[in-house]
N, C-alpha and C. Protein backbone atom coordinates (compact mmCIF):
# COMPACT_ATOMS: atom_id res chain seq x y z
N UNK A 1 29.25 -2.35 50.39
CA UNK A 1 30.06 -2.11 50.65
C UNK A 1 31.03 -2.86 49.11
N UNK A 2 31.60 -3.91 49.80
CA UNK A 2 32.45 -3.73 49.49
C UNK A 2 32.39 -4.65 47.54
N UNK A 3 31.59 -4.98 47.31
CA UNK A 3 30.60 -4.98 46.63
C UNK A 3 30.36 -4.38 44.99
N UNK A 4 30.04 -3.82 45.82
CA UNK A 4 29.31 -2.20 45.06
C UNK A 4 30.66 -1.50 43.82
N UNK A 5 32.28 -1.55 44.98
CA UNK A 5 33.04 -1.26 45.20
C UNK A 5 33.33 -2.09 44.18
N UNK A 6 33.30 -2.89 44.38
CA UNK A 6 33.94 -3.62 43.06
C UNK A 6 33.77 -3.79 42.05
N UNK A 7 32.43 -3.57 41.49
CA UNK A 7 31.48 -2.89 40.23
C UNK A 7 31.79 -1.70 39.80
N UNK A 8 31.93 -0.42 40.55
CA UNK A 8 32.65 0.36 40.28
C UNK A 8 33.66 0.60 39.23
N UNK A 9 34.76 -0.53 40.19
CA UNK A 9 35.96 -0.77 40.16
C UNK A 9 35.98 -1.75 38.48
N UNK A 10 35.79 -1.82 37.52
CA UNK A 10 35.36 -2.80 36.81
C UNK A 10 34.60 -1.84 36.31
N UNK A 11 33.37 -1.39 36.41
CA UNK A 11 33.25 -0.33 34.91
C UNK A 11 34.15 0.25 34.40
N UNK A 12 34.52 0.95 35.72
CA UNK A 12 35.87 1.51 35.02
C UNK A 12 36.33 1.75 33.83
N UNK A 13 37.13 0.17 33.99
CA UNK A 13 38.18 -0.47 33.93
C UNK A 13 37.58 -0.81 32.74
N UNK A 14 36.66 -0.79 32.86
CA UNK A 14 35.76 -1.56 30.99
C UNK A 14 35.78 -0.58 30.59
N UNK A 15 35.13 0.58 30.65
CA UNK A 15 34.78 1.57 29.41
C UNK A 15 36.37 2.63 29.47
N UNK A 16 37.36 2.52 30.68
CA UNK A 16 38.43 2.48 29.88
C UNK A 16 39.11 2.04 29.20
N UNK A 17 39.33 1.02 28.99
CA UNK A 17 39.55 0.03 28.17
C UNK A 17 39.40 -0.16 26.16
N UNK A 18 38.43 1.11 26.13
CA UNK A 18 37.64 1.10 25.08
C UNK A 18 38.22 0.42 24.07
N UNK A 19 38.20 0.22 22.91
CA UNK A 19 39.84 0.35 21.80
C UNK A 19 39.29 1.81 21.41
N UNK A 20 40.17 2.57 20.87
CA UNK A 20 40.24 3.07 19.37
C UNK A 20 41.26 3.30 18.36
N UNK A 21 41.31 1.64 18.23
CA UNK A 21 42.00 1.59 16.80
C UNK A 21 41.22 1.72 15.74
N UNK A 22 42.50 1.81 14.82
CA UNK A 22 41.75 2.59 13.48
C UNK A 22 40.94 1.47 12.47
N UNK A 23 41.70 0.67 13.64
CA UNK A 23 40.69 -1.21 12.44
C UNK A 23 39.50 -1.53 13.10
N UNK A 24 38.88 -0.60 14.05
CA UNK A 24 37.77 -0.84 14.35
C UNK A 24 37.04 -2.12 13.57
N UNK A 25 36.09 -2.36 13.64
CA UNK A 25 35.27 -2.78 12.53
C UNK A 25 33.48 -2.49 12.38
N UNK A 26 33.33 -1.10 12.75
CA UNK A 26 32.35 -0.26 12.76
C UNK A 26 32.36 -0.16 11.22
N UNK A 27 31.83 -0.99 10.83
CA UNK A 27 31.26 -0.09 9.23
C UNK A 27 30.68 0.84 8.37
N UNK A 28 31.90 1.73 7.49
CA UNK A 28 31.20 2.78 6.82
C UNK A 28 30.11 1.89 5.20
N UNK A 29 28.74 1.12 5.28
CA UNK A 29 28.64 0.36 4.87
C UNK A 29 28.39 1.24 3.52
N UNK A 30 27.66 2.82 3.11
CA UNK A 30 27.94 3.03 2.15
C UNK A 30 28.35 3.27 1.34
N UNK A 31 30.36 3.57 2.27
CA UNK A 31 30.74 4.77 1.08
C UNK A 31 31.29 3.06 0.84
N UNK A 32 31.38 1.44 1.48
CA UNK A 32 31.79 0.40 1.26
C UNK A 32 31.40 0.02 -0.77
N UNK A 33 29.72 -0.06 -0.13
CA UNK A 33 28.74 -0.12 -1.84
C UNK A 33 29.18 0.37 -3.42
N UNK A 34 29.89 2.19 -3.45
CA UNK A 34 30.20 3.15 -4.02
C UNK A 34 31.98 2.60 -4.49
N UNK A 35 32.39 2.01 -3.42
CA UNK A 35 33.82 1.48 -4.17
C UNK A 35 33.50 -0.41 -4.93
N UNK A 36 32.88 -0.84 -4.35
CA UNK A 36 32.29 -2.26 -5.26
C UNK A 36 32.63 -2.05 -7.53
N UNK A 37 33.29 -2.96 -7.49
CA UNK A 37 33.45 -2.70 -8.90
C UNK A 37 35.32 -3.29 -8.94
N UNK A 38 35.48 -3.54 -10.73
CA UNK A 38 36.60 -2.78 -10.71
C UNK A 38 37.45 -1.83 -11.27
N UNK A 39 38.39 -1.78 -10.24
CA UNK A 39 39.03 0.12 -10.05
C UNK A 39 40.45 -0.70 -10.92
N UNK A 40 41.33 1.18 -11.47
CA UNK A 40 42.33 0.36 -12.27
C UNK A 40 43.14 1.72 -11.58
N UNK A 41 44.86 1.07 -10.75
CA UNK A 41 45.49 2.63 -10.27
C UNK A 41 45.70 3.33 -11.54
N UNK A 42 45.64 4.35 -11.52
CA UNK A 42 45.63 5.25 -13.13
C UNK A 42 47.52 6.33 -12.63
N UNK A 43 47.53 6.04 -11.18
CA UNK A 43 48.42 7.11 -10.79
C UNK A 43 48.63 6.86 -9.16
N UNK A 44 50.10 6.92 -9.38
CA UNK A 44 50.74 6.79 -7.89
C UNK A 44 51.47 8.53 -7.71
N UNK A 45 50.86 9.25 -6.63
CA UNK A 45 52.31 10.25 -6.25
C UNK A 45 52.70 10.43 -4.91
N UNK A 46 53.49 11.48 -4.75
CA UNK A 46 53.92 11.82 -3.95
C UNK A 46 56.06 12.85 -3.28
N UNK A 47 55.95 13.47 -2.78
CA UNK A 47 56.12 14.63 -2.69
C UNK A 47 58.13 14.30 -3.29
N UNK A 48 58.73 14.49 -4.63
CA UNK A 48 59.97 13.67 -4.75
C UNK A 48 60.48 12.43 -5.24
N UNK A 49 58.28 11.87 -6.27
CA UNK A 49 58.35 11.00 -7.11
C UNK A 49 59.68 10.55 -7.42
N UNK A 50 59.72 11.21 -8.69
CA UNK A 50 60.16 11.70 -9.15
C UNK A 50 62.30 11.40 -9.15
N UNK A 51 63.11 11.04 -7.93
CA UNK A 51 63.61 11.33 -7.31
C UNK A 51 63.37 10.02 -6.24
N UNK A 52 62.54 9.19 -5.59
CA UNK A 52 63.28 8.48 -3.95
C UNK A 52 61.67 7.31 -5.21
N UNK A 53 62.57 6.32 -4.77
CA UNK A 53 61.50 4.77 -4.74
C UNK A 53 60.65 4.67 -3.85
N UNK A 54 59.96 4.11 -3.32
CA UNK A 54 59.11 4.10 -2.08
C UNK A 54 58.56 2.68 -2.23
N UNK A 55 58.40 0.75 -1.62
CA UNK A 55 57.56 -0.30 -1.57
C UNK A 55 56.68 -0.34 -0.98
N UNK A 56 55.57 -0.24 -1.81
CA UNK A 56 54.31 -0.03 -1.49
C UNK A 56 53.69 -1.07 -1.43
N UNK A 57 52.77 -1.28 -0.28
CA UNK A 57 52.47 -2.77 0.00
C UNK A 57 53.76 -3.91 0.30
N UNK A 58 54.87 -3.02 1.17
CA UNK A 58 55.04 -3.86 1.02
C UNK A 58 55.96 -5.43 0.03
N UNK A 59 55.57 -4.64 -1.27
CA UNK A 59 55.80 -5.66 -2.23
C UNK A 59 56.09 -5.09 -3.53
N UNK A 60 55.89 -4.02 -4.22
CA UNK A 60 57.01 -4.12 -4.77
C UNK A 60 56.73 -2.35 -4.94
N UNK A 61 57.85 -1.55 -5.82
CA UNK A 61 58.41 0.15 -6.58
C UNK A 61 56.16 -0.17 -7.02
N UNK A 62 56.93 1.41 -5.52
CA UNK A 62 55.18 2.71 -6.25
C UNK A 62 54.44 2.19 -7.27
N UNK A 63 55.84 2.58 -8.71
CA UNK A 63 55.43 2.75 -9.51
C UNK A 63 54.74 1.68 -10.67
N UNK A 64 55.32 0.49 -10.31
CA UNK A 64 54.61 -0.43 -10.68
C UNK A 64 53.07 -1.41 -10.56
N UNK A 65 52.73 -0.08 -9.30
CA UNK A 65 51.19 -0.58 -9.47
C UNK A 65 49.91 0.43 -9.89
N UNK A 66 51.01 1.44 -10.86
CA UNK A 66 49.61 1.85 -12.42
C UNK A 66 50.06 1.17 -13.13
N UNK A 67 48.48 1.43 -13.74
CA UNK A 67 47.97 -0.05 -13.81
C UNK A 67 47.55 -1.00 -13.35
N UNK A 68 47.86 -1.51 -11.98
CA UNK A 68 47.70 -2.90 -11.65
C UNK A 68 46.01 -3.07 -11.14
N UNK A 69 45.66 -3.57 -11.48
CA UNK A 69 43.94 -4.28 -11.44
C UNK A 69 43.54 -3.82 -10.39
N UNK A 70 42.05 -4.04 -9.64
CA UNK A 70 41.77 -4.21 -7.83
C UNK A 70 40.55 -4.66 -8.37
N UNK A 71 39.97 -5.06 -8.09
CA UNK A 71 37.99 -5.99 -7.49
C UNK A 71 37.88 -5.62 -6.44
N UNK A 72 37.20 -4.69 -5.91
CA UNK A 72 36.25 -5.46 -4.82
C UNK A 72 34.75 -5.91 -4.12
N UNK A 73 34.85 -6.43 -3.37
CA UNK A 73 33.07 -6.70 -3.77
C UNK A 73 32.47 -6.69 -2.21
N UNK A 74 31.78 -5.51 -2.48
CA UNK A 74 31.64 -5.09 -1.03
C UNK A 74 30.22 -5.35 0.27
N UNK A 75 29.77 -6.97 -0.27
CA UNK A 75 29.10 -7.24 0.29
C UNK A 75 29.51 -8.17 0.82
N UNK A 76 30.84 -8.73 1.09
CA UNK A 76 30.97 -9.49 1.83
C UNK A 76 32.60 -9.49 1.70
N UNK A 77 33.53 -7.51 1.84
CA UNK A 77 34.11 -7.05 2.23
C UNK A 77 35.73 -8.04 1.37
N UNK A 78 35.43 -8.49 0.43
CA UNK A 78 36.92 -9.84 -0.50
C UNK A 78 36.51 -8.81 -1.65
N UNK A 79 37.81 -10.02 -2.68
CA UNK A 79 38.29 -8.98 -3.65
C UNK A 79 40.13 -9.47 -3.89
N UNK A 80 40.32 -9.07 -4.89
CA UNK A 80 41.40 -9.16 -5.53
C UNK A 80 42.32 -7.89 -6.44
N UNK A 81 43.61 -8.20 -6.34
CA UNK A 81 44.33 -7.28 -7.37
C UNK A 81 46.11 -7.94 -7.41
N UNK A 82 45.60 -7.55 -9.04
CA UNK A 82 47.28 -7.78 -9.41
C UNK A 82 47.56 -6.63 -10.16
N UNK A 83 49.44 -7.37 -10.20
CA UNK A 83 50.02 -6.36 -10.92
C UNK A 83 50.43 -6.13 -11.89
N UNK A 84 50.52 -5.84 -13.02
CA UNK A 84 50.92 -6.76 -14.05
C UNK A 84 51.99 -5.72 -14.84
N UNK A 85 52.85 -6.67 -15.37
CA UNK A 85 54.45 -6.47 -15.43
C UNK A 85 54.35 -5.78 -17.49
N UNK A 86 53.74 -4.58 -16.53
CA UNK A 86 53.96 -3.27 -17.06
C UNK A 86 55.58 -2.91 -17.42
N UNK A 87 56.53 -2.58 -17.31
CA UNK A 87 58.01 -2.05 -16.79
C UNK A 87 58.24 -3.54 -15.92
N UNK A 88 59.82 -3.16 -17.49
CA UNK A 88 61.05 -4.55 -17.04
C UNK A 88 61.23 -4.49 -15.99
N UNK A 89 61.26 -4.27 -14.62
CA UNK A 89 61.51 -3.17 -13.19
C UNK A 89 60.59 -4.00 -12.23
N UNK A 90 59.28 -4.55 -12.55
CA UNK A 90 58.51 -4.88 -11.62
C UNK A 90 57.73 -6.38 -12.45
N UNK A 91 57.60 -7.37 -11.04
CA UNK A 91 56.89 -8.66 -10.76
C UNK A 91 55.21 -8.71 -11.69
N UNK A 92 55.37 -9.59 -12.35
CA UNK A 92 53.40 -10.04 -12.01
C UNK A 92 52.90 -10.56 -10.42
N UNK A 93 52.37 -10.17 -9.74
CA UNK A 93 51.68 -10.81 -8.53
C UNK A 93 50.79 -10.47 -9.27
N UNK A 94 49.36 -11.44 -8.36
CA UNK A 94 47.77 -11.94 -7.71
C UNK A 94 48.11 -12.03 -6.38
N UNK A 95 46.43 -11.11 -5.80
CA UNK A 95 46.93 -11.81 -4.51
C UNK A 95 45.12 -11.48 -4.08
N UNK A 96 44.47 -13.20 -3.13
CA UNK A 96 43.01 -12.28 -3.34
C UNK A 96 43.62 -11.23 -2.14
N UNK A 97 41.89 -9.87 -1.30
CA UNK A 97 42.72 -9.29 -0.16
C UNK A 97 41.18 -9.36 -0.15
N UNK A 98 41.18 -8.18 1.36
CA UNK A 98 39.85 -8.73 2.29
C UNK A 98 40.07 -6.98 2.81
N UNK A 99 39.30 -6.28 3.11
CA UNK A 99 39.02 -5.16 3.45
C UNK A 99 37.53 -4.54 3.09
N UNK A 100 37.84 -3.22 3.55
CA UNK A 100 36.14 -3.16 4.47
C UNK A 100 37.15 -1.30 4.16
N UNK A 101 35.72 -0.24 5.06
CA UNK A 101 36.40 0.83 5.30
C UNK A 101 35.16 0.95 6.98
N UNK A 102 36.16 2.02 7.43
CA UNK A 102 35.58 1.73 8.64
C UNK A 102 34.61 3.30 8.97
N UNK A 103 33.49 3.14 9.94
CA UNK A 103 33.24 4.54 10.04
C UNK A 103 33.74 5.99 10.40
N UNK A 104 35.32 5.94 10.66
CA UNK A 104 36.55 6.69 11.00
C UNK A 104 36.95 6.97 8.71
N UNK A 105 36.57 6.38 7.97
CA UNK A 105 36.37 7.04 6.73
C UNK A 105 38.10 6.09 6.23
N UNK A 106 38.81 5.36 6.85
CA UNK A 106 40.04 4.83 6.63
C UNK A 106 39.42 3.63 6.57
N UNK A 107 40.11 3.34 5.03
CA UNK A 107 40.25 1.86 3.83
C UNK A 107 41.22 1.10 4.87
N UNK A 108 40.93 -0.36 5.55
CA UNK A 108 41.44 -1.37 5.94
C UNK A 108 41.62 -2.12 4.98
N UNK A 109 42.78 -2.80 4.94
CA UNK A 109 43.26 -3.89 2.78
C UNK A 109 44.19 -4.73 4.06
N UNK A 110 43.59 -6.06 3.93
CA UNK A 110 44.67 -7.28 3.62
C UNK A 110 44.43 -7.78 2.67
N UNK A 111 46.55 -7.91 2.02
CA UNK A 111 47.26 -9.22 1.18
C UNK A 111 47.13 -10.53 1.73
N UNK A 112 45.99 -11.33 1.32
CA UNK A 112 45.85 -12.51 2.23
C UNK A 112 46.83 -13.58 1.31
N UNK A 113 46.78 -13.10 0.05
CA UNK A 113 48.33 -14.25 -0.57
C UNK A 113 47.59 -15.56 -0.65
N UNK A 114 48.82 -16.73 -0.18
CA UNK A 114 48.20 -17.78 -0.22
C UNK A 114 47.79 -18.49 1.64
N UNK A 115 47.03 -17.70 2.15
CA UNK A 115 47.39 -17.91 3.41
C UNK A 115 45.92 -17.53 3.55
N UNK A 116 44.72 -18.09 4.59
CA UNK A 116 43.07 -17.51 4.45
C UNK A 116 43.26 -16.11 6.07
N UNK A 117 42.15 -15.75 5.61
CA UNK A 117 42.23 -14.11 6.08
C UNK A 117 42.05 -13.78 7.95
N UNK A 118 42.21 -15.42 8.31
CA UNK A 118 42.31 -15.13 9.98
C UNK A 118 43.69 -15.57 10.23
N UNK A 119 44.18 -15.67 9.35
CA UNK A 119 46.01 -16.20 8.93
C UNK A 119 46.54 -14.43 9.28
N UNK A 120 46.23 -14.06 8.80
CA UNK A 120 47.51 -12.69 7.65
C UNK A 120 46.36 -11.46 9.42
N UNK A 121 47.82 -11.52 10.25
CA UNK A 121 47.84 -10.72 11.77
C UNK A 121 48.77 -9.69 10.61
N UNK A 122 48.80 -8.47 9.76
CA UNK A 122 49.55 -7.22 9.29
C UNK A 122 48.71 -7.22 8.03
N UNK A 123 48.37 -5.78 8.24
CA UNK A 123 47.95 -5.15 6.39
C UNK A 123 47.89 -3.95 7.05
N UNK A 124 47.48 -3.01 5.61
CA UNK A 124 47.33 -1.04 6.06
C UNK A 124 46.01 -0.84 6.10
N UNK A 125 46.33 0.30 6.67
CA UNK A 125 45.17 1.34 7.15
C UNK A 125 45.47 2.44 6.34
N UNK A 126 44.61 2.62 5.08
CA UNK A 126 44.89 4.06 4.25
C UNK A 126 43.22 5.30 4.54
N UNK A 127 44.09 6.46 4.11
CA UNK A 127 43.46 6.99 3.85
C UNK A 127 42.16 7.20 2.70
N UNK A 128 40.57 7.18 2.56
CA UNK A 128 39.89 7.40 1.49
C UNK A 128 39.89 8.84 1.40
N UNK A 129 40.26 8.76 0.18
CA UNK A 129 39.03 10.70 -0.22
C UNK A 129 38.55 10.57 -1.26
N UNK A 130 37.89 11.68 -1.99
CA UNK A 130 37.40 12.08 -3.31
C UNK A 130 37.04 10.96 -3.68
N UNK A 131 35.74 10.16 -3.38
CA UNK A 131 35.31 8.54 -3.03
C UNK A 131 33.97 10.08 -3.97
N UNK A 132 33.68 8.87 -5.61
CA UNK A 132 32.71 8.97 -6.23
C UNK A 132 32.08 8.04 -6.89
N UNK A 133 31.59 7.47 -7.89
CA UNK A 133 31.19 7.20 -8.13
C UNK A 133 31.78 5.98 -8.89
N UNK A 134 33.06 6.76 -9.91
CA UNK A 134 33.20 6.30 -10.04
C UNK A 134 35.06 6.62 -10.68
N UNK A 135 35.64 6.89 -8.83
CA UNK A 135 36.91 6.80 -8.22
C UNK A 135 37.26 7.18 -6.67
N UNK A 136 38.40 7.39 -6.45
CA UNK A 136 39.11 7.29 -4.85
C UNK A 136 39.93 7.51 -5.12
N UNK A 137 40.37 8.05 -4.00
CA UNK A 137 41.96 7.88 -3.80
C UNK A 137 42.16 7.36 -2.41
N UNK A 138 43.72 5.77 -2.21
CA UNK A 138 43.92 5.88 -1.33
C UNK A 138 45.07 6.79 -0.57
N UNK A 139 45.30 7.27 0.86
CA UNK A 139 46.57 7.83 0.60
C UNK A 139 46.98 7.07 2.24
N UNK A 140 48.74 7.12 1.85
CA UNK A 140 48.80 6.45 2.85
C UNK A 140 50.71 7.01 2.88
N UNK A 141 51.04 7.00 4.71
CA UNK A 141 51.89 7.79 5.09
C UNK A 141 53.46 6.91 4.64
N UNK A 142 53.87 8.09 4.40
CA UNK A 142 55.95 7.47 4.57
C UNK A 142 56.45 7.97 5.06
N UNK A 143 57.60 7.23 5.33
CA UNK A 143 58.76 8.08 5.80
C UNK A 143 59.81 8.55 5.30
N UNK A 144 59.84 10.11 4.84
CA UNK A 144 60.77 9.82 3.94
C UNK A 144 62.39 11.08 4.66
N UNK A 145 62.83 11.09 4.79
CA UNK A 145 64.03 11.30 5.96
C UNK A 145 63.47 12.18 7.39
N UNK A 146 63.10 11.23 7.80
CA UNK A 146 62.53 12.12 8.52
C UNK A 146 61.40 12.60 9.17
N UNK A 147 61.16 12.55 7.93
CA UNK A 147 59.57 13.43 7.79
C UNK A 147 57.84 12.67 7.49
N UNK A 148 57.29 12.86 7.82
CA UNK A 148 55.69 12.08 7.06
C UNK A 148 55.07 12.71 6.86
N UNK A 149 55.39 12.30 5.07
CA UNK A 149 54.57 12.51 3.43
C UNK A 149 53.65 11.86 3.04
N UNK A 150 52.65 11.59 2.66
CA UNK A 150 51.15 11.43 1.51
C UNK A 150 51.85 10.95 -0.12
N UNK A 151 51.52 9.50 0.05
CA UNK A 151 51.44 8.28 -0.88
C UNK A 151 50.76 8.39 -1.33
N UNK A 152 49.79 8.56 -2.76
CA UNK A 152 47.99 9.06 -3.30
C UNK A 152 47.67 7.81 -4.46
N UNK A 153 47.07 6.97 -3.95
CA UNK A 153 46.94 5.88 -5.04
C UNK A 153 45.41 6.26 -6.03
N UNK A 154 45.62 7.05 -6.99
CA UNK A 154 44.37 7.43 -7.57
C UNK A 154 43.91 5.64 -8.59
N UNK A 155 42.25 5.69 -7.81
CA UNK A 155 42.27 4.86 -8.56
C UNK A 155 40.24 5.56 -9.24
N UNK A 156 40.57 4.38 -11.11
CA UNK A 156 38.99 4.82 -11.54
C UNK A 156 38.87 3.03 -11.72
N UNK A 157 37.29 3.93 -12.40
CA UNK A 157 37.06 2.57 -11.98
C UNK A 157 36.50 2.77 -14.08
N UNK A 158 36.61 1.25 -14.12
CA UNK A 158 35.75 0.17 -15.48
C UNK A 158 34.92 0.31 -16.05
N UNK A 159 34.60 1.25 -16.88
CA UNK A 159 33.38 1.29 -17.14
C UNK A 159 33.17 -0.19 -17.71
N UNK A 160 31.70 -0.78 -17.45
CA UNK A 160 31.83 -1.61 -18.82
C UNK A 160 30.57 -1.75 -19.56
N UNK A 161 31.11 -2.30 -20.47
CA UNK A 161 29.57 -1.35 -21.93
C UNK A 161 28.43 -2.70 -22.34
């Protein structure tokens, strides 16, 4: 009787502690394959963007990401991102990244910089929208005066001839 009670208690704790994290590792491989290749951020939009300055990905002003180059490799979920100095207020930046799309449709991103991926404990979870063969959008949530607003990064695939 005690053994059965213990097993039931253990099973209920095990099932009750199942992770519902948005960074779960169940992958959406079909969507990941659509993101394979080289992309450029063509626009960054959010309410009040003409008046507000947003620090994107803890790196730079959101406007600095317009024209940034991103490479996504779908078979190993690695890649690279580069910010080019198109504006005098923007600094050049380049870093390897790891990324994946989970089953909930979230894009999970780690900017690795000069570390190994397992050494980087923080990253970003963004909504993935409007995915086509040549474009997609990543949407992040930002806090503007106590209200949650969306910031949308529009990606366009580089077509090679």
